Amino acid sequence: GNGGKRLRPMLLLLAAKALGRIDHNHLALAAVIEFI
């Protein structure tokens, strides 16, 4: 919760949307990327 741009998960979500859609696995992996 300490700020940050959340750039890495945002990239994943935008790329998924550019390819057509987002499903639960996209969301889960965006969280994974932020955790790492």
All heavy atoms as atom14 arrays in JSON, in Angstrom:
{
  "sequence": "GNGGKRLRPMLLLLAAKALGRIDHNHLALAAVIEFI",
  "atom14_mask": [
    [1, 1, 1, 1, 0, 0, 0, 0, 0, 0, 0, 0, 0, 0],
    [1, 1, 1, 1, 1, 1, 1, 1, 0, 0, 0, 0, 0, 0],
    [1, 1, 1, 1, 0, 0, 0, 0, 0, 0, 0, 0, 0, 0],
    [1, 1, 1, 1, 0, 0, 0, 0, 0, 0, 0, 0, 0, 0],
    [1, 1, 1, 1, 1, 1, 1, 1, 1, 0, 0, 0, 0, 0],
    [1, 1, 1, 1, 1, 1, 1, 1, 1, 1, 1, 0, 0, 0],
    [1, 1, 1, 1, 1, 1, 1, 1, 0, 0, 0, 0, 0, 0],
    [1, 1, 1, 1, 1, 1, 1, 1, 1, 1, 1, 0, 0, 0],
    [1, 1, 1, 1, 1, 1, 1, 0, 0, 0, 0, 0, 0, 0],
    [1, 1, 1, 1, 1, 1, 1, 1, 0, 0, 0, 0, 0, 0],
    [1, 1, 1, 1, 1, 1, 1, 1, 0, 0, 0, 0, 0, 0],
    [1, 1, 1, 1, 1, 1, 1, 1, 0, 0, 0, 0, 0, 0],
    [1, 1, 1, 1, 1, 1, 1, 1, 0, 0, 0, 0, 0, 0],
    [1, 1, 1, 1, 1, 1, 1, 1, 0, 0, 0, 0, 0, 0],
    [1, 1, 1, 1, 1, 0, 0, 0, 0, 0, 0, 0, 0, 0],
    [1, 1, 1, 1, 1, 0, 0, 0, 0, 0, 0, 0, 0, 0],
    [1, 1, 1, 1, 1, 1, 1, 1, 1, 0, 0, 0, 0, 0],
    [1, 1, 1, 1, 1, 0, 0, 0, 0, 0, 0, 0, 0, 0],
    [1, 1, 1, 1, 1, 1, 1, 1, 0, 0, 0, 0, 0, 0],
    [1, 1, 1, 1, 0, 0, 0, 0, 0, 0, 0, 0, 0, 0],
    [1, 1, 1, 1, 1, 1, 1, 1, 1, 1, 1, 0, 0, 0],
    [1, 1, 1, 1, 1, 1, 1, 1, 0, 0, 0, 0, 0, 0],
    [1, 1, 1, 1, 1, 1, 1, 1, 0, 0, 0, 0, 0, 0],
    [1, 1, 1, 1, 1, 1, 1, 1, 1, 1, 0, 0, 0, 0],
    [1, 1, 1, 1, 1, 1, 1, 1, 0, 0, 0, 0, 0, 0],
    [1, 1, 1, 1, 1, 1, 1, 1, 1, 1, 0, 0, 0, 0],
    [1, 1, 1, 1, 1, 1, 1, 1, 0, 0, 0, 0, 0, 0],
    [1, 1, 1, 1, 1, 0, 0, 0, 0, 0, 0, 0, 0, 0],
    [1, 1, 1, 1, 1, 1, 1, 1, 0, 0, 0, 0, 0, 0],
    [1, 1, 1, 1, 1, 0, 0, 0, 0, 0, 0, 0, 0, 0],
    [1, 1, 1, 1, 1, 0, 0, 0, 0, 0, 0, 0, 0, 0],
    [1, 1, 1, 1, 1, 1, 1, 0, 0, 0, 0, 0, 0, 0],
    [1, 1, 1, 1, 1, 1, 1, 1, 0, 0, 0, 0, 0, 0],
    [1, 1, 1, 1, 1, 1, 1, 1, 1, 0, 0, 0, 0, 0],
    [1, 1, 1, 1, 1, 1, 1, 1, 1, 1, 1, 0, 0, 0],
    [1, 1, 1, 1, 1, 1, 1, 1, 0, 0, 0, 0, 0, 0]
  ],
  "atom14_positions": [
    [[0.79, -1.23, 0.0], [0.0, 0.0, 0.0], [0.82, 1.27, 0.0], [0.28, 2.37, 0.09], [0.0, 0.0, 0.0], [0.0, 0.0, 0.0], [0.0, 0.0, 0.0], [0.0, 0.0, 0.0], [0.0, 0.0, 0.0], [0.0, 0.0, 0.0], [0.0, 0.0, 0.0], [0.0, 0.0, 0.0], [0.0, 0.0, 0.0], [0.0, 0.0, 0.0]],
    [[2.13, 1.13, -0.16], [3.03, 2.28, -0.03], [3.29, 2.95, -1.37], [4.43, 3.13, -1.79], [4.35, 1.81, 0.6], [5.23, 2.98, 1.04], [4.77, 4.12, 1.11], [6.48, 2.7, 1.33], [0.0, 0.0, 0.0], [0.0, 0.0, 0.0], [0.0, 0.0, 0.0], [0.0, 0.0, 0.0], [0.0, 0.0, 0.0], [0.0, 0.0, 0.0]],
    [[2.21, 3.32, -2.06], [2.38, 4.05, -3.32], [2.93, 3.18, -4.43], [2.66, 1.99, -4.51], [0.0, 0.0, 0.0], [0.0, 0.0, 0.0], [0.0, 0.0, 0.0], [0.0, 0.0, 0.0], [0.0, 0.0, 0.0], [0.0, 0.0, 0.0], [0.0, 0.0, 0.0], [0.0, 0.0, 0.0], [0.0, 0.0, 0.0], [0.0, 0.0, 0.0]],
    [[3.75, 3.76, -5.28], [4.3, 3.01, -6.41], [3.41, 3.14, -7.63], [2.21, 3.41, -7.53], [0.0, 0.0, 0.0], [0.0, 0.0, 0.0], [0.0, 0.0, 0.0], [0.0, 0.0, 0.0], [0.0, 0.0, 0.0], [0.0, 0.0, 0.0], [0.0, 0.0, 0.0], [0.0, 0.0, 0.0], [0.0, 0.0, 0.0], [0.0, 0.0, 0.0]],
    [[3.99, 2.93, -8.78], [3.26, 3.12, -10.03], [2.48, 1.9, -10.46], [1.65, 1.98, -11.35], [4.27, 3.49, -11.15], [5.1, 4.73, -10.84], [6.15, 4.94, -11.92], [7.12, 6.05, -11.53], [7.98, 5.68, -10.38], [0.0, 0.0, 0.0], [0.0, 0.0, 0.0], [0.0, 0.0, 0.0], [0.0, 0.0, 0.0], [0.0, 0.0, 0.0]],
    [[2.74, 0.74, -9.86], [2.12, -0.52, -10.28], [2.33, -0.72, -11.79], [1.44, -1.21, -12.49], [0.64, -0.54, -9.96], [0.27, -0.61, -8.5], [0.45, -2.01, -7.93], [-0.45, -2.28, -6.82], [-0.23, -1.91, -5.57], [0.89, -1.25, -5.28], [-1.09, -2.19, -4.61], [0.0, 0.0, 0.0], [0.0, 0.0, 0.0], [0.0, 0.0, 0.0]],
    [[3.5, -0.34, -12.27], [3.75, -0.33, -13.71], [3.78, -1.74, -14.29], [3.24, -1.99, -15.37], [5.07, 0.4, -13.99], [5.47, 0.61, -15.44], [4.36, 1.33, -16.21], [6.76, 1.43, -15.52], [0.0, 0.0, 0.0], [0.0, 0.0, 0.0], [0.0, 0.0, 0.0], [0.0, 0.0, 0.0], [0.0, 0.0, 0.0], [0.0, 0.0, 0.0]],
    [[4.39, -2.67, -13.59], [4.55, -4.03, -14.13], [3.21, -4.74, -14.29], [2.93, -5.26, -15.37], [5.53, -4.81, -13.26], [6.95, -4.23, -13.32], [7.74, -4.51, -12.04], [9.01, -3.79, -12.01], [9.13, -2.51, -11.63], [8.07, -1.83, -11.24], [10.32, -1.93, -11.62], [0.0, 0.0, 0.0], [0.0, 0.0, 0.0], [0.0, 0.0, 0.0]],
    [[2.35, -4.77, -13.25], [1.03, -5.36, -13.48], [0.2, -4.6, -14.51], [-0.56, -5.19, -15.27], [0.37, -5.34, -12.09], [1.2, -4.43, -11.25], [2.57, -4.43, -11.83], [0.0, 0.0, 0.0], [0.0, 0.0, 0.0], [0.0, 0.0, 0.0], [0.0, 0.0, 0.0], [0.0, 0.0, 0.0], [0.0, 0.0, 0.0], [0.0, 0.0, 0.0]],
    [[0.38, -3.28, -14.56], [-0.35, -2.5, -15.55], [0.04, -2.91, -16.97], [-0.82, -3.02, -17.86], [-0.04, -1.0, -15.36], [-0.92, -0.08, -16.21], [-0.29, 1.62, -16.28], [-0.14, 2.01, -14.54], [0.0, 0.0, 0.0], [0.0, 0.0, 0.0], [0.0, 0.0, 0.0], [0.0, 0.0, 0.0], [0.0, 0.0, 0.0], [0.0, 0.0, 0.0]],
    [[1.33, -3.18, -17.19], [1.78, -3.63, -18.5], [1.13, -4.95, -18.89], [0.71, -5.14, -20.03], [3.31, -3.79, -18.5], [4.13, -2.5, -18.52], [5.6, -2.81, -18.24], [3.98, -1.8, -19.86], [0.0, 0.0, 0.0], [0.0, 0.0, 0.0], [0.0, 0.0, 0.0], [0.0, 0.0, 0.0], [0.0, 0.0, 0.0], [0.0, 0.0, 0.0]],
    [[1.04, -5.86, -17.93], [0.41, -7.15, -18.21], [-1.05, -6.96, -18.59], [-1.53, -7.54, -19.58], [0.54, -8.06, -16.99], [0.19, -9.54, -17.18], [0.92, -10.4, -16.14], [-1.31, -9.81, -17.09], [0.0, 0.0, 0.0], [0.0, 0.0, 0.0], [0.0, 0.0, 0.0], [0.0, 0.0, 0.0], [0.0, 0.0, 0.0], [0.0, 0.0, 0.0]],
    [[-1.76, -6.13, -17.84], [-3.18, -5.91, -18.1], [-3.41, -5.21, -19.45], [-4.32, -5.59, -20.21], [-3.8, -5.09, -16.97], [-3.78, -5.74, -15.58], [-4.27, -4.76, -14.53], [-4.62, -7.01, -15.56], [0.0, 0.0, 0.0], [0.0, 0.0, 0.0], [0.0, 0.0, 0.0], [0.0, 0.0, 0.0], [0.0, 0.0, 0.0], [0.0, 0.0, 0.0]],
    [[-2.59, -4.21, -19.73], [-2.73, -3.51, -21.01], [-2.42, -4.42, -22.2], [-3.12, -4.4, -23.22], [-1.81, -2.29, -21.05], [-2.26, -1.07, -20.25], [-1.14, -0.04, -20.19], [-3.52, -0.45, -20.86], [0.0, 0.0, 0.0], [0.0, 0.0, 0.0], [0.0, 0.0, 0.0], [0.0, 0.0, 0.0], [0.0, 0.0, 0.0], [0.0, 0.0, 0.0]],
    [[-1.37, -5.24, -22.06], [-1.01, -6.16, -23.14], [-2.14, -7.17, -23.37], [-2.48, -7.49, -24.52], [0.3, -6.88, -22.81], [0.0, 0.0, 0.0], [0.0, 0.0, 0.0], [0.0, 0.0, 0.0], [0.0, 0.0, 0.0], [0.0, 0.0, 0.0], [0.0, 0.0, 0.0], [0.0, 0.0, 0.0], [0.0, 0.0, 0.0], [0.0, 0.0, 0.0]],
    [[-2.74, -7.66, -22.28], [-3.85, -8.6, -22.41], [-5.03, -7.94, -23.12], [-5.67, -8.54, -24.0], [-4.28, -9.1, -21.03], [0.0, 0.0, 0.0], [0.0, 0.0, 0.0], [0.0, 0.0, 0.0], [0.0, 0.0, 0.0], [0.0, 0.0, 0.0], [0.0, 0.0, 0.0], [0.0, 0.0, 0.0], [0.0, 0.0, 0.0], [0.0, 0.0, 0.0]],
    [[-5.33, -6.7, -22.75], [-6.43, -5.99, -23.4], [-6.13, -5.71, -24.87], [-7.02, -5.75, -25.72], [-6.72, -4.68, -22.66], [-7.51, -4.87, -21.37], [-8.07, -3.54, -20.87], [-9.21, -3.77, -19.89], [-9.92, -2.53, -19.53], [0.0, 0.0, 0.0], [0.0, 0.0, 0.0], [0.0, 0.0, 0.0], [0.0, 0.0, 0.0], [0.0, 0.0, 0.0]],
    [[-4.86, -5.43, -25.17], [-4.47, -5.21, -26.56], [-4.63, -6.48, -27.39], [-4.81, -6.42, -28.61], [-3.02, -4.74, -26.63], [0.0, 0.0, 0.0], [0.0, 0.0, 0.0], [0.0, 0.0, 0.0], [0.0, 0.0, 0.0], [0.0, 0.0, 0.0], [0.0, 0.0, 0.0], [0.0, 0.0, 0.0], [0.0, 0.0, 0.0], [0.0, 0.0, 0.0]],
    [[-4.6, -7.64, -26.71], [-4.77, -8.93, -27.39], [-6.23, -9.4, -27.37], [-6.53, -10.48, -27.85], [-3.87, -9.98, -26.74], [-2.36, -9.73, -26.9], [-1.57, -10.71, -26.06], [-1.94, -9.82, -28.36], [0.0, 0.0, 0.0], [0.0, 0.0, 0.0], [0.0, 0.0, 0.0], [0.0, 0.0, 0.0], [0.0, 0.0, 0.0], [0.0, 0.0, 0.0]],
    [[-7.1, -8.61, -26.76], [-8.52, -8.92, -26.87], [-9.3, -9.02, -25.59], [-10.44, -8.58, -25.53], [0.0, 0.0, 0.0], [0.0, 0.0, 0.0], [0.0, 0.0, 0.0], [0.0, 0.0, 0.0], [0.0, 0.0, 0.0], [0.0, 0.0, 0.0], [0.0, 0.0, 0.0], [0.0, 0.0, 0.0], [0.0, 0.0, 0.0], [0.0, 0.0, 0.0]],
    [[-8.73, -9.64, -24.53], [-9.55, -9.82, -23.33], [-8.66, -10.09, -22.12], [-7.48, -10.42, -22.25], [-10.51, -10.99, -23.5], [-9.82, -12.34, -23.62], [-10.78, -13.49, -23.85], [-10.07, -14.76, -23.95], [-9.75, -15.5, -22.9], [-10.08, -15.1, -21.68], [-9.12, -16.65, -23.05], [0.0, 0.0, 0.0], [0.0, 0.0, 0.0], [0.0, 0.0, 0.0]],
    [[-9.27, -9.98, -20.94], [-8.6, -10.31, -19.68], [-9.42, -11.37, -18.97], [-10.65, -11.23, -18.83], [-8.46, -9.06, -18.78], [-7.37, -8.14, -19.33], [-8.14, -9.44, -17.35], [-7.11, -6.92, -18.48], [0.0, 0.0, 0.0], [0.0, 0.0, 0.0], [0.0, 0.0, 0.0], [0.0, 0.0, 0.0], [0.0, 0.0, 0.0], [0.0, 0.0, 0.0]],
    [[-8.78, -12.45, -18.52], [-9.48, -13.44, -17.71], [-8.85, -13.51, -16.31], [-7.93, -12.75, -16.0], [-9.52, -14.81, -18.39], [-8.15, -15.46, -18.53], [-7.19, -15.05, -17.82], [-8.02, -16.39, -19.35], [0.0, 0.0, 0.0], [0.0, 0.0, 0.0], [0.0, 0.0, 0.0], [0.0, 0.0, 0.0], [0.0, 0.0, 0.0], [0.0, 0.0, 0.0]],
    [[-9.33, -14.43, -15.49], [-8.86, -14.5, -14.09], [-7.36, -14.77, -14.02], [-6.68, -14.25, -13.11], [-9.63, -15.56, -13.32], [-9.19, -15.69, -11.89], [-9.54, -14.75, -10.93], [-8.38, -16.59, -11.27], [-8.98, -15.08, -9.78], [-8.27, -16.18, -9.96], [0.0, 0.0, 0.0], [0.0, 0.0, 0.0], [0.0, 0.0, 0.0], [0.0, 0.0, 0.0]],
    [[-6.83, -15.57, -14.93], [-5.4, -15.87, -14.89], [-4.55, -14.62, -15.14], [-3.47, -14.46, -14.55], [-5.05, -16.96, -15.9], [-5.41, -18.34, -15.4], [-5.49, -18.58, -14.2], [-5.66, -19.26, -16.32], [0.0, 0.0, 0.0], [0.0, 0.0, 0.0], [0.0, 0.0, 0.0], [0.0, 0.0, 0.0], [0.0, 0.0, 0.0], [0.0, 0.0, 0.0]],
    [[-5.02, -13.74, -16.01], [-4.32, -12.47, -16.21], [-4.26, -11.68, -14.9], [-3.22, -11.14, -14.52], [-5.01, -11.62, -17.28], [-4.82, -12.11, -18.68], [-5.87, -12.58, -19.43], [-3.72, -12.2, -19.47], [-5.42, -12.93, -20.63], [-4.13, -12.7, -20.67], [0.0, 0.0, 0.0], [0.0, 0.0, 0.0], [0.0, 0.0, 0.0], [0.0, 0.0, 0.0]],
    [[-5.39, -11.6, -14.21], [-5.46, -10.85, -12.95], [-4.54, -11.49, -11.91], [-3.8, -10.78, -11.2], [-6.89, -10.82, -12.43], [-7.94, -10.14, -13.32], [-9.33, -10.27, -12.69], [-7.61, -8.67, -13.56], [0.0, 0.0, 0.0], [0.0, 0.0, 0.0], [0.0, 0.0, 0.0], [0.0, 0.0, 0.0], [0.0, 0.0, 0.0], [0.0, 0.0, 0.0]],
    [[-4.59, -12.82, -11.81], [-3.75, -13.52, -10.83], [-2.27, -13.28, -11.11], [-1.48, -13.04, -10.19], [-4.07, -15.02, -10.85], [0.0, 0.0, 0.0], [0.0, 0.0, 0.0], [0.0, 0.0, 0.0], [0.0, 0.0, 0.0], [0.0, 0.0, 0.0], [0.0, 0.0, 0.0], [0.0, 0.0, 0.0], [0.0, 0.0, 0.0], [0.0, 0.0, 0.0]],
    [[-1.89, -13.31, -12.37], [-0.47, -13.15, -12.71], [-0.02, -11.69, -12.56], [1.15, -11.43, -12.27], [-0.2, -13.67, -14.12], [-0.32, -15.19, -14.23], [-0.22, -15.65, -15.68], [0.76, -15.88, -13.39], [0.0, 0.0, 0.0], [0.0, 0.0, 0.0], [0.0, 0.0, 0.0], [0.0, 0.0, 0.0], [0.0, 0.0, 0.0], [0.0, 0.0, 0.0]],
    [[-0.94, -10.75, -12.73], [-0.6, -9.35, -12.44], [-0.27, -9.21, -10.96], [0.68, -8.5, -10.57], [-1.76, -8.43, -12.82], [0.0, 0.0, 0.0], [0.0, 0.0, 0.0], [0.0, 0.0, 0.0], [0.0, 0.0, 0.0], [0.0, 0.0, 0.0], [0.0, 0.0, 0.0], [0.0, 0.0, 0.0], [0.0, 0.0, 0.0], [0.0, 0.0, 0.0]],
    [[-1.04, -9.9, -10.1], [-0.75, -9.89, -8.66], [0.58, -10.59, -8.37], [1.37, -10.13, -7.54], [-1.88, -10.58, -7.9], [0.0, 0.0, 0.0], [0.0, 0.0, 0.0], [0.0, 0.0, 0.0], [0.0, 0.0, 0.0], [0.0, 0.0, 0.0], [0.0, 0.0, 0.0], [0.0, 0.0, 0.0], [0.0, 0.0, 0.0], [0.0, 0.0, 0.0]],
    [[0.83, -11.69, -9.06], [2.1, -12.41, -8.89], [3.29, -11.52, -9.22], [4.28, -11.45, -8.49], [2.13, -13.67, -9.79], [3.54, -14.25, -9.9], [1.18, -14.73, -9.23], [0.0, 0.0, 0.0], [0.0, 0.0, 0.0], [0.0, 0.0, 0.0], [0.0, 0.0, 0.0], [0.0, 0.0, 0.0], [0.0, 0.0, 0.0], [0.0, 0.0, 0.0]],
    [[3.19, -10.81, -10.33], [4.26, -9.91, -10.76], [4.51, -8.83, -9.7], [5.67, -8.51, -9.37], [3.91, -9.25, -12.12], [3.97, -10.28, -13.25], [4.83, -8.07, -12.42], [5.35, -10.77, -13.61], [0.0, 0.0, 0.0], [0.0, 0.0, 0.0], [0.0, 0.0, 0.0], [0.0, 0.0, 0.0], [0.0, 0.0, 0.0], [0.0, 0.0, 0.0]],
    [[3.44, -8.3, -9.13], [3.6, -7.26, -8.1], [4.21, -7.85, -6.82], [5.03, -7.2, -6.17], [2.25, -6.61, -7.79], [2.33, -5.41, -6.86], [3.14, -4.24, -7.4], [3.4, -4.18, -8.63], [3.54, -3.36, -6.59], [0.0, 0.0, 0.0], [0.0, 0.0, 0.0], [0.0, 0.0, 0.0], [0.0, 0.0, 0.0], [0.0, 0.0, 0.0]],
    [[3.83, -9.07, -6.47], [4.41, -9.73, -5.3], [5.91, -9.94, -5.49], [6.7, -9.7, -4.56], [3.72, -11.08, -5.06], [2.57, -11.01, -4.1], [1.67, -9.96, -4.13], [2.37, -12.02, -3.16], [0.61, -9.89, -3.24], [1.3, -11.96, -2.27], [0.42, -10.9, -2.3], [0.0, 0.0, 0.0], [0.0, 0.0, 0.0], [0.0, 0.0, 0.0]],
    [[6.3, -10.41, -6.65], [7.73, -10.65, -6.91], [8.49, -9.33, -6.86], [9.56, -9.24, -6.25], [7.93, -11.34, -8.28], [7.37, -12.77, -8.23], [9.41, -11.36, -8.67], [7.37, -13.48, -9.56], [0.0, 0.0, 0.0], [0.0, 0.0, 0.0], [0.0, 0.0, 0.0], [0.0, 0.0, 0.0], [0.0, 0.0, 0.0], [0.0, 0.0, 0.0]]
  ]
}
